[in-house]
Amino acid sequence: MTQNEIGIKDANSTVSPTGKREVKVEEKKGLSVQDLILVAVLLAAGAVLKLTVSSVFSFAGMKPNFMIAMYCLAIILVRPNVGQAVIIGLITGLISQIPMLNATPWVNIPSEMLGALACGLLIHIPLKISKLDLNPLVTTFLSTVVSGYTFAIIVGLMNGLDLTAVFVTYAVMVFGTALINCILVEILTLPLKKVLKKTN
């Protein structure tokens, strides 16, 4: 081992109070090309699915919102920092400007950014029961609720509706969509992590 290699090793490690050398784990600073490609593919898939099969799964006002589900899945898989998660939400909102994806597309920009922000924060909370990781389930559910109610509140305020009425009126749709989304993401997360060799 050369002197330079020793210097690098010492810079990336510390000595614990017990005398054992501990190696520091560097935080992820940026997304890799593979991460960016995965995000792009999932967002594109979300748009296509929303345009094609979303209405097929509609029941009593509840249906999967594939755009939200796919950006949550992307954030869960690539584990970006909070700022990068918000950017993923912004890109999702911009994709939603396509008129066929939403009747009021511009409202999706703030709603998806806040939903992605919630997702980016929640992915760092450990939620394991034995070997079962419930984080994708809980994170997607809460992120969908944040996005859905942000959308509902903005639309409600535009139409002069009382916020209490908005929360009650949209409850079935928001929570129903959140339930479907979180089940979908939970089912897809494990196999995709294995394929991509991603670890928490």
N, C-alpha and C. Protein backbone atom coordinates (compact mmCIF):
# COMPACT_ATOMS: atom_id res chain seq x y z
N MET A 1 0.85 -1.19 0.00
CA MET A 1 0.00 0.00 0.00
C MET A 1 0.88 1.24 0.00
N THR A 2 0.59 2.20 -0.92
CA THR A 2 1.42 3.39 -1.02
C THR A 2 1.00 4.40 0.03
N GLN A 3 1.84 5.42 0.18
CA GLN A 3 1.55 6.45 1.18
C GLN A 3 0.29 7.23 0.82
N ASN A 4 0.06 7.46 -0.52
CA ASN A 4 -1.14 8.17 -0.95
C ASN A 4 -2.40 7.38 -0.62
N GLU A 5 -2.34 6.04 -0.82
CA GLU A 5 -3.48 5.19 -0.53
C GLU A 5 -3.81 5.20 0.94
N ILE A 6 -2.73 5.24 1.80
CA ILE A 6 -2.94 5.30 3.24
C ILE A 6 -3.63 6.61 3.61
N GLY A 7 -3.21 7.70 2.96
CA GLY A 7 -3.79 9.01 3.23
C GLY A 7 -5.26 9.04 2.88
N ILE A 8 -5.64 8.45 1.72
CA ILE A 8 -7.03 8.41 1.30
C ILE A 8 -7.85 7.59 2.27
N LYS A 9 -7.32 6.47 2.70
CA LYS A 9 -8.03 5.60 3.64
C LYS A 9 -8.27 6.31 4.96
N ASP A 10 -7.26 7.03 5.46
CA ASP A 10 -7.40 7.74 6.72
C ASP A 10 -8.41 8.87 6.61
N ALA A 11 -8.50 9.51 5.42
CA ALA A 11 -9.41 10.63 5.23
C ALA A 11 -10.85 10.17 5.24
N ASN A 12 -11.09 8.94 4.83
CA ASN A 12 -12.45 8.41 4.75
C ASN A 12 -12.81 7.52 5.92
N SER A 13 -12.03 7.55 6.98
CA SER A 13 -12.33 6.70 8.12
C SER A 13 -11.99 7.42 9.41
N THR A 14 -12.60 6.95 10.49
CA THR A 14 -12.34 7.52 11.81
C THR A 14 -12.12 6.39 12.80
N VAL A 15 -11.54 6.73 13.92
CA VAL A 15 -11.32 5.74 14.97
C VAL A 15 -12.38 5.92 16.03
N SER A 16 -13.15 4.89 16.31
CA SER A 16 -14.23 4.95 17.30
C SER A 16 -13.64 4.94 18.70
N PRO A 17 -14.45 5.28 19.71
CA PRO A 17 -13.97 5.25 21.10
C PRO A 17 -13.46 3.89 21.53
N THR A 18 -13.89 2.83 20.86
CA THR A 18 -13.45 1.48 21.23
C THR A 18 -12.12 1.13 20.56
N GLY A 19 -11.65 2.02 19.71
CA GLY A 19 -10.37 1.78 19.05
C GLY A 19 -10.51 1.16 17.67
N LYS A 20 -11.75 0.87 17.26
CA LYS A 20 -11.96 0.27 15.94
C LYS A 20 -12.08 1.36 14.89
N ARG A 21 -11.52 1.07 13.73
CA ARG A 21 -11.59 2.03 12.64
C ARG A 21 -12.92 1.89 11.92
N GLU A 22 -13.63 3.02 11.74
CA GLU A 22 -14.92 3.00 11.07
C GLU A 22 -14.81 3.79 9.78
N VAL A 23 -15.33 3.21 8.70
CA VAL A 23 -15.29 3.86 7.39
C VAL A 23 -16.53 4.71 7.22
N LYS A 24 -16.35 5.96 6.81
CA LYS A 24 -17.48 6.85 6.58
C LYS A 24 -18.20 6.46 5.30
N VAL A 25 -19.53 6.55 5.32
CA VAL A 25 -20.34 6.28 4.13
C VAL A 25 -20.71 7.61 3.50
N GLU A 26 -20.26 7.83 2.26
CA GLU A 26 -20.52 9.09 1.59
C GLU A 26 -21.97 9.16 1.14
N GLU A 27 -22.59 10.34 1.29
CA GLU A 27 -23.96 10.53 0.85
C GLU A 27 -24.01 10.63 -0.67
N LYS A 28 -25.14 10.18 -1.22
CA LYS A 28 -25.33 10.23 -2.66
C LYS A 28 -25.52 11.69 -3.08
N LYS A 29 -24.62 12.17 -3.93
CA LYS A 29 -24.67 13.58 -4.31
C LYS A 29 -25.45 13.82 -5.59
N GLY A 30 -25.49 12.85 -6.47
CA GLY A 30 -26.18 13.04 -7.74
C GLY A 30 -26.75 11.74 -8.27
N LEU A 31 -27.63 11.86 -9.24
CA LEU A 31 -28.23 10.69 -9.85
C LEU A 31 -27.35 10.20 -10.98
N SER A 32 -27.20 8.90 -11.08
CA SER A 32 -26.40 8.32 -12.16
C SER A 32 -27.20 8.34 -13.46
N VAL A 33 -26.53 8.04 -14.56
CA VAL A 33 -27.20 7.97 -15.85
C VAL A 33 -28.29 6.90 -15.81
N GLN A 34 -28.00 5.77 -15.15
CA GLN A 34 -29.00 4.70 -15.02
C GLN A 34 -30.22 5.19 -14.25
N ASP A 35 -29.99 5.98 -13.19
CA ASP A 35 -31.09 6.54 -12.41
C ASP A 35 -31.97 7.45 -13.27
N LEU A 36 -31.32 8.32 -14.05
CA LEU A 36 -32.05 9.27 -14.89
C LEU A 36 -32.87 8.55 -15.96
N ILE A 37 -32.28 7.51 -16.52
CA ILE A 37 -32.99 6.73 -17.54
C ILE A 37 -34.20 6.04 -16.91
N LEU A 38 -34.02 5.49 -15.71
CA LEU A 38 -35.12 4.82 -15.02
C LEU A 38 -36.26 5.79 -14.73
N VAL A 39 -35.92 7.00 -14.24
CA VAL A 39 -36.94 8.00 -13.96
C VAL A 39 -37.71 8.36 -15.23
N ALA A 40 -36.97 8.58 -16.33
CA ALA A 40 -37.60 8.94 -17.60
C ALA A 40 -38.53 7.84 -18.11
N VAL A 41 -38.07 6.60 -18.02
CA VAL A 41 -38.88 5.46 -18.48
C VAL A 41 -40.15 5.32 -17.65
N LEU A 42 -40.02 5.44 -16.32
CA LEU A 42 -41.19 5.29 -15.45
C LEU A 42 -42.20 6.42 -15.65
N LEU A 43 -41.73 7.64 -15.82
CA LEU A 43 -42.65 8.75 -16.04
C LEU A 43 -43.35 8.62 -17.39
N ALA A 44 -42.61 8.17 -18.39
CA ALA A 44 -43.22 7.94 -19.71
C ALA A 44 -44.26 6.82 -19.62
N ALA A 45 -43.92 5.76 -18.88
CA ALA A 45 -44.86 4.65 -18.70
C ALA A 45 -46.11 5.12 -17.97
N GLY A 46 -45.93 5.99 -16.97
CA GLY A 46 -47.07 6.53 -16.24
C GLY A 46 -48.02 7.31 -17.13
N ALA A 47 -47.44 8.13 -18.03
CA ALA A 47 -48.25 8.92 -18.95
C ALA A 47 -49.03 8.02 -19.90
N VAL A 48 -48.34 7.01 -20.45
CA VAL A 48 -48.99 6.09 -21.39
C VAL A 48 -50.12 5.31 -20.71
N LEU A 49 -49.83 4.81 -19.50
CA LEU A 49 -50.85 4.03 -18.76
C LEU A 49 -52.06 4.90 -18.40
N LYS A 50 -51.81 6.14 -18.02
CA LYS A 50 -52.92 7.03 -17.67
C LYS A 50 -53.79 7.32 -18.89
N LEU A 51 -53.16 7.43 -20.06
CA LEU A 51 -53.90 7.70 -21.29
C LEU A 51 -54.67 6.49 -21.80
N THR A 52 -54.20 5.29 -21.46
CA THR A 52 -54.76 4.09 -22.07
C THR A 52 -55.65 3.25 -21.15
N VAL A 53 -55.13 2.85 -20.01
CA VAL A 53 -55.86 1.87 -19.20
C VAL A 53 -56.38 2.41 -17.86
N SER A 54 -56.11 3.66 -17.55
CA SER A 54 -56.51 4.21 -16.25
C SER A 54 -58.02 4.11 -16.03
N SER A 55 -58.79 4.47 -17.05
CA SER A 55 -60.25 4.46 -16.90
C SER A 55 -60.81 3.06 -16.74
N VAL A 56 -60.09 2.05 -17.23
CA VAL A 56 -60.55 0.67 -17.11
C VAL A 56 -60.64 0.25 -15.65
N PHE A 57 -59.74 0.77 -14.83
CA PHE A 57 -59.68 0.40 -13.41
C PHE A 57 -60.50 1.34 -12.53
N SER A 58 -61.28 2.23 -13.14
CA SER A 58 -62.08 3.18 -12.37
C SER A 58 -63.24 2.48 -11.69
N PHE A 59 -63.43 2.83 -10.41
CA PHE A 59 -64.54 2.26 -9.65
C PHE A 59 -64.97 3.25 -8.58
N ALA A 60 -66.23 3.70 -8.65
CA ALA A 60 -66.80 4.63 -7.67
C ALA A 60 -65.92 5.87 -7.48
N GLY A 61 -65.40 6.40 -8.58
CA GLY A 61 -64.56 7.59 -8.51
C GLY A 61 -63.12 7.31 -8.17
N MET A 62 -62.79 6.04 -7.91
CA MET A 62 -61.42 5.67 -7.55
C MET A 62 -60.75 4.98 -8.74
N LYS A 63 -59.55 5.37 -9.02
CA LYS A 63 -58.77 4.72 -10.05
C LYS A 63 -57.30 5.04 -9.81
N PRO A 64 -56.41 4.20 -10.30
CA PRO A 64 -54.99 4.49 -10.09
C PRO A 64 -54.57 5.74 -10.83
N ASN A 65 -53.78 6.57 -10.18
CA ASN A 65 -53.16 7.71 -10.87
C ASN A 65 -51.74 7.27 -11.20
N PHE A 66 -51.56 6.78 -12.42
CA PHE A 66 -50.27 6.18 -12.79
C PHE A 66 -49.13 7.18 -12.78
N MET A 67 -49.43 8.47 -12.99
CA MET A 67 -48.37 9.47 -12.95
C MET A 67 -47.78 9.56 -11.54
N ILE A 68 -48.67 9.64 -10.53
CA ILE A 68 -48.20 9.72 -9.15
C ILE A 68 -47.50 8.42 -8.75
N ALA A 69 -48.13 7.30 -9.11
CA ALA A 69 -47.55 5.99 -8.75
C ALA A 69 -46.15 5.83 -9.34
N MET A 70 -45.96 6.25 -10.58
CA MET A 70 -44.67 6.06 -11.24
C MET A 70 -43.59 7.00 -10.72
N TYR A 71 -43.96 8.25 -10.35
CA TYR A 71 -42.88 9.08 -9.80
C TYR A 71 -42.56 8.67 -8.37
N CYS A 72 -43.54 8.15 -7.64
CA CYS A 72 -43.23 7.60 -6.32
C CYS A 72 -42.32 6.38 -6.46
N LEU A 73 -42.63 5.52 -7.41
CA LEU A 73 -41.80 4.34 -7.65
C LEU A 73 -40.39 4.75 -8.04
N ALA A 74 -40.27 5.75 -8.90
CA ALA A 74 -38.95 6.23 -9.32
C ALA A 74 -38.16 6.76 -8.13
N ILE A 75 -38.80 7.55 -7.28
CA ILE A 75 -38.11 8.12 -6.12
C ILE A 75 -37.71 7.02 -5.14
N ILE A 76 -38.57 6.05 -4.94
CA ILE A 76 -38.26 4.94 -4.04
C ILE A 76 -37.08 4.13 -4.55
N LEU A 77 -36.99 3.95 -5.84
CA LEU A 77 -35.91 3.12 -6.42
C LEU A 77 -34.58 3.86 -6.49
N VAL A 78 -34.59 5.12 -6.90
CA VAL A 78 -33.31 5.82 -7.08
C VAL A 78 -32.88 6.58 -5.83
N ARG A 79 -33.82 6.79 -4.89
CA ARG A 79 -33.53 7.44 -3.61
C ARG A 79 -32.76 8.76 -3.80
N PRO A 80 -33.38 9.73 -4.46
CA PRO A 80 -32.71 11.03 -4.63
C PRO A 80 -32.77 11.84 -3.36
N ASN A 81 -32.02 12.95 -3.33
CA ASN A 81 -32.18 13.85 -2.20
C ASN A 81 -33.48 14.62 -2.38
N VAL A 82 -33.85 15.43 -1.40
CA VAL A 82 -35.15 16.09 -1.42
C VAL A 82 -35.29 17.04 -2.62
N GLY A 83 -34.22 17.78 -2.91
CA GLY A 83 -34.26 18.69 -4.05
C GLY A 83 -34.48 17.97 -5.36
N GLN A 84 -33.79 16.84 -5.53
CA GLN A 84 -33.95 16.06 -6.75
C GLN A 84 -35.35 15.46 -6.85
N ALA A 85 -35.91 15.08 -5.70
CA ALA A 85 -37.27 14.54 -5.69
C ALA A 85 -38.28 15.60 -6.15
N VAL A 86 -38.09 16.84 -5.70
CA VAL A 86 -38.98 17.94 -6.11
C VAL A 86 -38.88 18.17 -7.61
N ILE A 87 -37.66 18.05 -8.15
CA ILE A 87 -37.47 18.22 -9.60
C ILE A 87 -38.20 17.12 -10.37
N ILE A 88 -38.17 15.90 -9.85
CA ILE A 88 -38.92 14.80 -10.48
C ILE A 88 -40.41 15.13 -10.48
N GLY A 89 -40.89 15.70 -9.36
CA GLY A 89 -42.29 16.12 -9.31
C GLY A 89 -42.60 17.22 -10.30
N LEU A 90 -41.67 18.17 -10.45
CA LEU A 90 -41.84 19.26 -11.41
C LEU A 90 -41.93 18.71 -12.83
N ILE A 91 -41.05 17.77 -13.16
CA ILE A 91 -41.07 17.17 -14.50
C ILE A 91 -42.40 16.45 -14.74
N THR A 92 -42.88 15.75 -13.69
CA THR A 92 -44.18 15.08 -13.80
C THR A 92 -45.29 16.09 -14.07
N GLY A 93 -45.25 17.21 -13.34
CA GLY A 93 -46.25 18.26 -13.55
C GLY A 93 -46.19 18.84 -14.95
N LEU A 94 -44.98 18.98 -15.47
CA LEU A 94 -44.82 19.52 -16.83
C LEU A 94 -45.35 18.53 -17.87
N ILE A 95 -45.09 17.24 -17.64
CA ILE A 95 -45.63 16.22 -18.55
C ILE A 95 -47.16 16.27 -18.53
N SER A 96 -47.72 16.57 -17.37
CA SER A 96 -49.18 16.62 -17.22
C SER A 96 -49.80 17.82 -17.91
N GLN A 97 -48.97 18.70 -18.49
CA GLN A 97 -49.52 19.81 -19.26
C GLN A 97 -50.15 19.34 -20.56
N ILE A 98 -49.87 18.10 -20.94
CA ILE A 98 -50.54 17.53 -22.11
C ILE A 98 -52.03 17.50 -21.81
N PRO A 99 -52.87 18.18 -22.58
CA PRO A 99 -54.30 18.30 -22.26
C PRO A 99 -55.00 16.96 -22.03
N MET A 100 -54.60 15.92 -22.75
CA MET A 100 -55.27 14.63 -22.63
C MET A 100 -55.03 13.97 -21.27
N LEU A 101 -53.98 14.41 -20.56
CA LEU A 101 -53.66 13.81 -19.28
C LEU A 101 -54.46 14.42 -18.14
N ASN A 102 -54.99 15.63 -18.33
CA ASN A 102 -55.72 16.27 -17.25
C ASN A 102 -56.53 17.44 -17.78
N ALA A 103 -57.70 17.64 -17.20
CA ALA A 103 -58.57 18.73 -17.63
C ALA A 103 -58.03 20.09 -17.18
N THR A 104 -57.33 20.12 -16.05
CA THR A 104 -56.72 21.36 -15.55
C THR A 104 -55.23 21.11 -15.33
N PRO A 105 -54.46 20.97 -16.41
CA PRO A 105 -53.07 20.52 -16.31
C PRO A 105 -52.15 21.36 -15.45
N TRP A 106 -52.30 22.70 -15.46
CA TRP A 106 -51.35 23.54 -14.72
C TRP A 106 -51.40 23.29 -13.22
N VAL A 107 -52.55 22.82 -12.71
CA VAL A 107 -52.68 22.55 -11.28
C VAL A 107 -51.78 21.39 -10.86
N ASN A 108 -51.42 20.54 -11.81
CA ASN A 108 -50.56 19.40 -11.50
C ASN A 108 -49.14 19.80 -11.13
N ILE A 109 -48.70 20.96 -11.55
CA ILE A 109 -47.32 21.37 -11.24
C ILE A 109 -47.12 21.50 -9.72
N PRO A 110 -47.91 22.32 -9.02
CA PRO A 110 -47.71 22.39 -7.56
C PRO A 110 -48.10 21.10 -6.84
N SER A 111 -49.15 20.41 -7.32
CA SER A 111 -49.59 19.21 -6.62
C SER A 111 -48.56 18.08 -6.73
N GLU A 112 -47.96 17.91 -7.91
CA GLU A 112 -46.97 16.85 -8.06
C GLU A 112 -45.65 17.22 -7.40
N MET A 113 -45.32 18.49 -7.37
CA MET A 113 -44.10 18.90 -6.67
C MET A 113 -44.20 18.64 -5.17
N LEU A 114 -45.37 18.95 -4.58
CA LEU A 114 -45.56 18.70 -3.15
C LEU A 114 -45.65 17.20 -2.86
N GLY A 115 -46.30 16.46 -3.76
CA GLY A 115 -46.36 15.01 -3.60
C GLY A 115 -44.98 14.38 -3.65
N ALA A 116 -44.16 14.84 -4.61
CA ALA A 116 -42.79 14.32 -4.73
C ALA A 116 -41.94 14.75 -3.54
N LEU A 117 -42.17 15.96 -3.02
CA LEU A 117 -41.46 16.42 -1.82
C LEU A 117 -41.76 15.50 -0.64
N ALA A 118 -43.04 15.18 -0.46
CA ALA A 118 -43.42 14.26 0.61
C ALA A 118 -42.76 12.91 0.43
N CYS A 119 -42.74 12.43 -0.80
CA CYS A 119 -42.13 11.14 -1.10
C CYS A 119 -40.63 11.17 -0.81
N GLY A 120 -39.97 12.26 -1.22
CA GLY A 120 -38.53 12.39 -1.00
C GLY A 120 -38.16 12.44 0.47
N LEU A 121 -39.06 12.97 1.30
CA LEU A 121 -38.80 13.01 2.75
C LEU A 121 -39.11 11.66 3.41
N LEU A 122 -40.20 11.03 2.99
CA LEU A 122 -40.67 9.81 3.65
C LEU A 122 -39.82 8.58 3.35
N ILE A 123 -39.12 8.57 2.21
CA ILE A 123 -38.34 7.38 1.86
C ILE A 123 -37.19 7.12 2.83
N HIS A 124 -36.84 8.12 3.62
CA HIS A 124 -35.72 7.95 4.55
C HIS A 124 -36.17 7.44 5.92
N ILE A 125 -37.47 7.23 6.09
CA ILE A 125 -37.99 6.74 7.37
C ILE A 125 -38.08 5.22 7.33
N PRO A 126 -37.34 4.51 8.18
CA PRO A 126 -37.40 3.03 8.17
C PRO A 126 -38.76 2.53 8.68
N LEU A 127 -39.39 1.70 7.86
CA LEU A 127 -40.70 1.14 8.22
C LEU A 127 -40.72 -0.35 7.90
N LYS A 128 -39.91 -1.11 8.63
CA LYS A 128 -39.81 -2.54 8.38
C LYS A 128 -40.45 -3.35 9.49
N ILE A 129 -41.18 -4.38 9.10
CA ILE A 129 -41.70 -5.37 10.03
C ILE A 129 -41.05 -6.69 9.66
N SER A 130 -40.12 -7.13 10.50
CA SER A 130 -39.28 -8.29 10.17
C SER A 130 -38.53 -7.98 8.88
N LYS A 131 -38.72 -8.77 7.83
CA LYS A 131 -38.04 -8.53 6.56
C LYS A 131 -38.91 -7.77 5.57
N LEU A 132 -40.14 -7.47 5.97
CA LEU A 132 -41.07 -6.78 5.08
C LEU A 132 -40.90 -5.27 5.19
N ASP A 133 -40.55 -4.64 4.07
CA ASP A 133 -40.37 -3.19 4.04
C ASP A 133 -41.69 -2.53 3.64
N LEU A 134 -42.30 -1.83 4.58
CA LEU A 134 -43.58 -1.17 4.33
C LEU A 134 -43.42 0.27 3.87
N ASN A 135 -42.17 0.74 3.76
CA ASN A 135 -41.95 2.12 3.38
C ASN A 135 -42.56 2.47 2.02
N PRO A 136 -42.39 1.66 0.98
CA PRO A 136 -43.01 1.99 -0.31
C PRO A 136 -44.53 2.14 -0.20
N LEU A 137 -45.15 1.27 0.58
CA LEU A 137 -46.60 1.29 0.76
C LEU A 137 -47.06 2.59 1.42
N VAL A 138 -46.45 2.90 2.56
CA VAL A 138 -46.83 4.09 3.34
C VAL A 138 -46.45 5.37 2.61
N THR A 139 -45.25 5.39 2.05
CA THR A 139 -44.77 6.58 1.35
C THR A 139 -45.66 6.92 0.16
N THR A 140 -46.01 5.93 -0.64
CA THR A 140 -46.85 6.19 -1.81
C THR A 140 -48.24 6.63 -1.39
N PHE A 141 -48.79 5.99 -0.35
CA PHE A 141 -50.13 6.37 0.11
C PHE A 141 -50.16 7.84 0.54
N LEU A 142 -49.23 8.23 1.40
CA LEU A 142 -49.22 9.60 1.93
C LEU A 142 -48.87 10.61 0.85
N SER A 143 -47.97 10.26 -0.05
CA SER A 143 -47.59 11.17 -1.14
C SER A 143 -48.77 11.41 -2.07
N THR A 144 -49.54 10.36 -2.34
CA THR A 144 -50.73 10.50 -3.18
C THR A 144 -51.77 11.37 -2.50
N VAL A 145 -51.93 11.21 -1.19
CA VAL A 145 -52.88 12.05 -0.44
C VAL A 145 -52.46 13.52 -0.50
N VAL A 146 -51.17 13.78 -0.31
CA VAL A 146 -50.66 15.16 -0.38
C VAL A 146 -50.91 15.75 -1.76
N SER A 147 -50.57 15.00 -2.80
CA SER A 147 -50.77 15.48 -4.17
C SER A 147 -52.25 15.67 -4.47
N GLY A 148 -53.05 14.68 -4.10
CA GLY A 148 -54.48 14.74 -4.41
C GLY A 148 -55.19 15.90 -3.73
N TYR A 149 -54.89 16.10 -2.45
CA TYR A 149 -55.56 17.18 -1.74
C TYR A 149 -55.01 18.56 -2.13
N THR A 150 -53.75 18.63 -2.52
CA THR A 150 -53.22 19.90 -3.04
C THR A 150 -53.99 20.29 -4.30
N PHE A 151 -54.18 19.30 -5.18
CA PHE A 151 -54.95 19.51 -6.41
C PHE A 151 -56.37 19.94 -6.07
N ALA A 152 -57.01 19.22 -5.13
CA ALA A 152 -58.40 19.48 -4.77
C ALA A 152 -58.56 20.87 -4.15
N ILE A 153 -57.64 21.26 -3.28
CA ILE A 153 -57.72 22.57 -2.61
C ILE A 153 -57.59 23.70 -3.62
N ILE A 154 -56.64 23.57 -4.55
CA ILE A 154 -56.46 24.62 -5.56
C ILE A 154 -57.71 24.76 -6.42
N VAL A 155 -58.24 23.62 -6.88
CA VAL A 155 -59.45 23.64 -7.71
C VAL A 155 -60.63 24.19 -6.90
N GLY A 156 -60.71 23.78 -5.62
CA GLY A 156 -61.79 24.27 -4.76
C GLY A 156 -61.74 25.76 -4.56
N LEU A 157 -60.54 26.30 -4.31
CA LEU A 157 -60.40 27.74 -4.13
C LEU A 157 -60.72 28.50 -5.41
N MET A 158 -60.36 27.93 -6.54
CA MET A 158 -60.68 28.55 -7.83
C MET A 158 -62.18 28.67 -8.03
N ASN A 159 -62.93 27.69 -7.50
CA ASN A 159 -64.38 27.67 -7.67
C ASN A 159 -65.13 28.24 -6.47
N GLY A 160 -64.38 28.81 -5.52
CA GLY A 160 -65.00 29.44 -4.37
C GLY A 160 -65.65 28.49 -3.39
N LEU A 161 -65.14 27.25 -3.31
CA LEU A 161 -65.73 26.25 -2.42
C LEU A 161 -65.12 26.35 -1.02
N ASP A 162 -65.90 25.96 -0.04
CA ASP A 162 -65.42 25.89 1.34
C ASP A 162 -64.43 24.74 1.46
N LEU A 163 -63.31 24.94 2.20
CA LEU A 163 -62.27 23.92 2.28
C LEU A 163 -62.78 22.65 2.97
N THR A 164 -63.66 22.80 3.94
CA THR A 164 -64.22 21.62 4.60
C THR A 164 -65.00 20.78 3.60
N ALA A 165 -65.76 21.46 2.76
CA ALA A 165 -66.53 20.76 1.72
C ALA A 165 -65.59 20.07 0.74
N VAL A 166 -64.47 20.72 0.44
CA VAL A 166 -63.49 20.13 -0.48
C VAL A 166 -62.92 18.84 0.09
N PHE A 167 -62.52 18.88 1.37
CA PHE A 167 -61.94 17.70 2.01
C PHE A 167 -62.93 16.53 2.04
N VAL A 168 -64.18 16.84 2.33
CA VAL A 168 -65.20 15.79 2.40
C VAL A 168 -65.52 15.26 1.01
N THR A 169 -65.70 16.17 0.06
CA THR A 169 -66.10 15.79 -1.30
C THR A 169 -65.04 14.91 -1.97
N TYR A 170 -63.79 15.26 -1.76
CA TYR A 170 -62.71 14.55 -2.45
C TYR A 170 -62.16 13.37 -1.65
N ALA A 171 -62.68 13.14 -0.45
CA ALA A 171 -62.10 12.11 0.42
C ALA A 171 -62.07 10.73 -0.22
N VAL A 172 -63.20 10.29 -0.77
CA VAL A 172 -63.27 8.96 -1.37
C VAL A 172 -62.31 8.84 -2.54
N MET A 173 -62.29 9.86 -3.39
CA MET A 173 -61.43 9.82 -4.57
C MET A 173 -59.95 9.85 -4.20
N VAL A 174 -59.58 10.74 -3.27
CA VAL A 174 -58.17 10.88 -2.89
C VAL A 174 -57.65 9.65 -2.16
N PHE A 175 -58.39 9.22 -1.14
CA PHE A 175 -57.93 8.07 -0.35
C PHE A 175 -58.05 6.76 -1.13
N GLY A 176 -59.08 6.68 -1.99
CA GLY A 176 -59.21 5.50 -2.84
C GLY A 176 -58.07 5.38 -3.83
N THR A 177 -57.73 6.51 -4.45
CA THR A 177 -56.61 6.52 -5.39
C THR A 177 -55.30 6.22 -4.67
N ALA A 178 -55.14 6.77 -3.47
CA ALA A 178 -53.92 6.52 -2.68
C ALA A 178 -53.79 5.05 -2.35
N LEU A 179 -54.90 4.40 -2.01
CA LEU A 179 -54.87 2.98 -1.68
C LEU A 179 -54.45 2.14 -2.89
N ILE A 180 -55.03 2.43 -4.04
CA ILE A 180 -54.68 1.69 -5.26
C ILE A 180 -53.23 1.93 -5.64
N ASN A 181 -52.80 3.19 -5.56
CA ASN A 181 -51.42 3.53 -5.92
C ASN A 181 -50.41 2.81 -5.03
N CYS A 182 -50.66 2.80 -3.72
CA CYS A 182 -49.66 2.22 -2.81
C CYS A 182 -49.56 0.71 -2.99
N ILE A 183 -50.67 0.05 -3.29
CA ILE A 183 -50.63 -1.39 -3.55
C ILE A 183 -49.85 -1.67 -4.83
N LEU A 184 -50.10 -0.87 -5.85
CA LEU A 184 -49.40 -1.02 -7.13
C LEU A 184 -47.90 -0.85 -6.96
N VAL A 185 -47.50 0.20 -6.26
CA VAL A 185 -46.07 0.48 -6.06
C VAL A 185 -45.41 -0.58 -5.19
N GLU A 186 -46.10 -1.03 -4.15
CA GLU A 186 -45.55 -2.07 -3.27
C GLU A 186 -45.29 -3.35 -4.05
N ILE A 187 -46.21 -3.69 -4.96
CA ILE A 187 -46.06 -4.91 -5.78
C ILE A 187 -44.87 -4.79 -6.73
N LEU A 188 -44.66 -3.59 -7.28
CA LEU A 188 -43.60 -3.40 -8.28
C LEU A 188 -42.22 -3.16 -7.67
N THR A 189 -42.17 -2.64 -6.44
CA THR A 189 -40.89 -2.23 -5.87
C THR A 189 -39.91 -3.38 -5.71
N LEU A 190 -40.34 -4.47 -5.08
CA LEU A 190 -39.41 -5.57 -4.78
C LEU A 190 -38.79 -6.19 -6.03
N PRO A 191 -39.59 -6.58 -7.04
CA PRO A 191 -38.97 -7.16 -8.23
C PRO A 191 -38.06 -6.18 -8.97
N LEU A 192 -38.46 -4.91 -9.02
CA LEU A 192 -37.62 -3.93 -9.71
C LEU A 192 -36.32 -3.69 -8.96
N LYS A 193 -36.36 -3.71 -7.63
CA LYS A 193 -35.12 -3.57 -6.86
C LYS A 193 -34.18 -4.72 -7.14
N LYS A 194 -34.74 -5.91 -7.27
CA LYS A 194 -33.91 -7.07 -7.56
C LYS A 194 -33.29 -6.97 -8.95
N VAL A 195 -34.10 -6.56 -9.91
CA VAL A 195 -33.60 -6.41 -11.28
C VAL A 195 -32.51 -5.37 -11.36
N LEU A 196 -32.74 -4.24 -10.68
CA LEU A 196 -31.80 -3.14 -10.72
C LEU A 196 -30.67 -3.27 -9.69
N LYS A 197 -30.77 -4.32 -8.85
CA LYS A 197 -29.78 -4.58 -7.81
C LYS A 197 -29.66 -3.38 -6.88
N LYS A 198 -30.83 -2.83 -6.53
CA LYS A 198 -30.88 -1.69 -5.62
C LYS A 198 -31.04 -2.20 -4.20
N THR A 199 -30.34 -1.57 -3.27
CA THR A 199 -30.49 -1.90 -1.85
C THR A 199 -30.77 -0.64 -1.07
N ASN A 200 -31.50 -0.79 0.04
CA ASN A 200 -31.79 0.37 0.88
C ASN A 200 -30.56 0.77 1.69
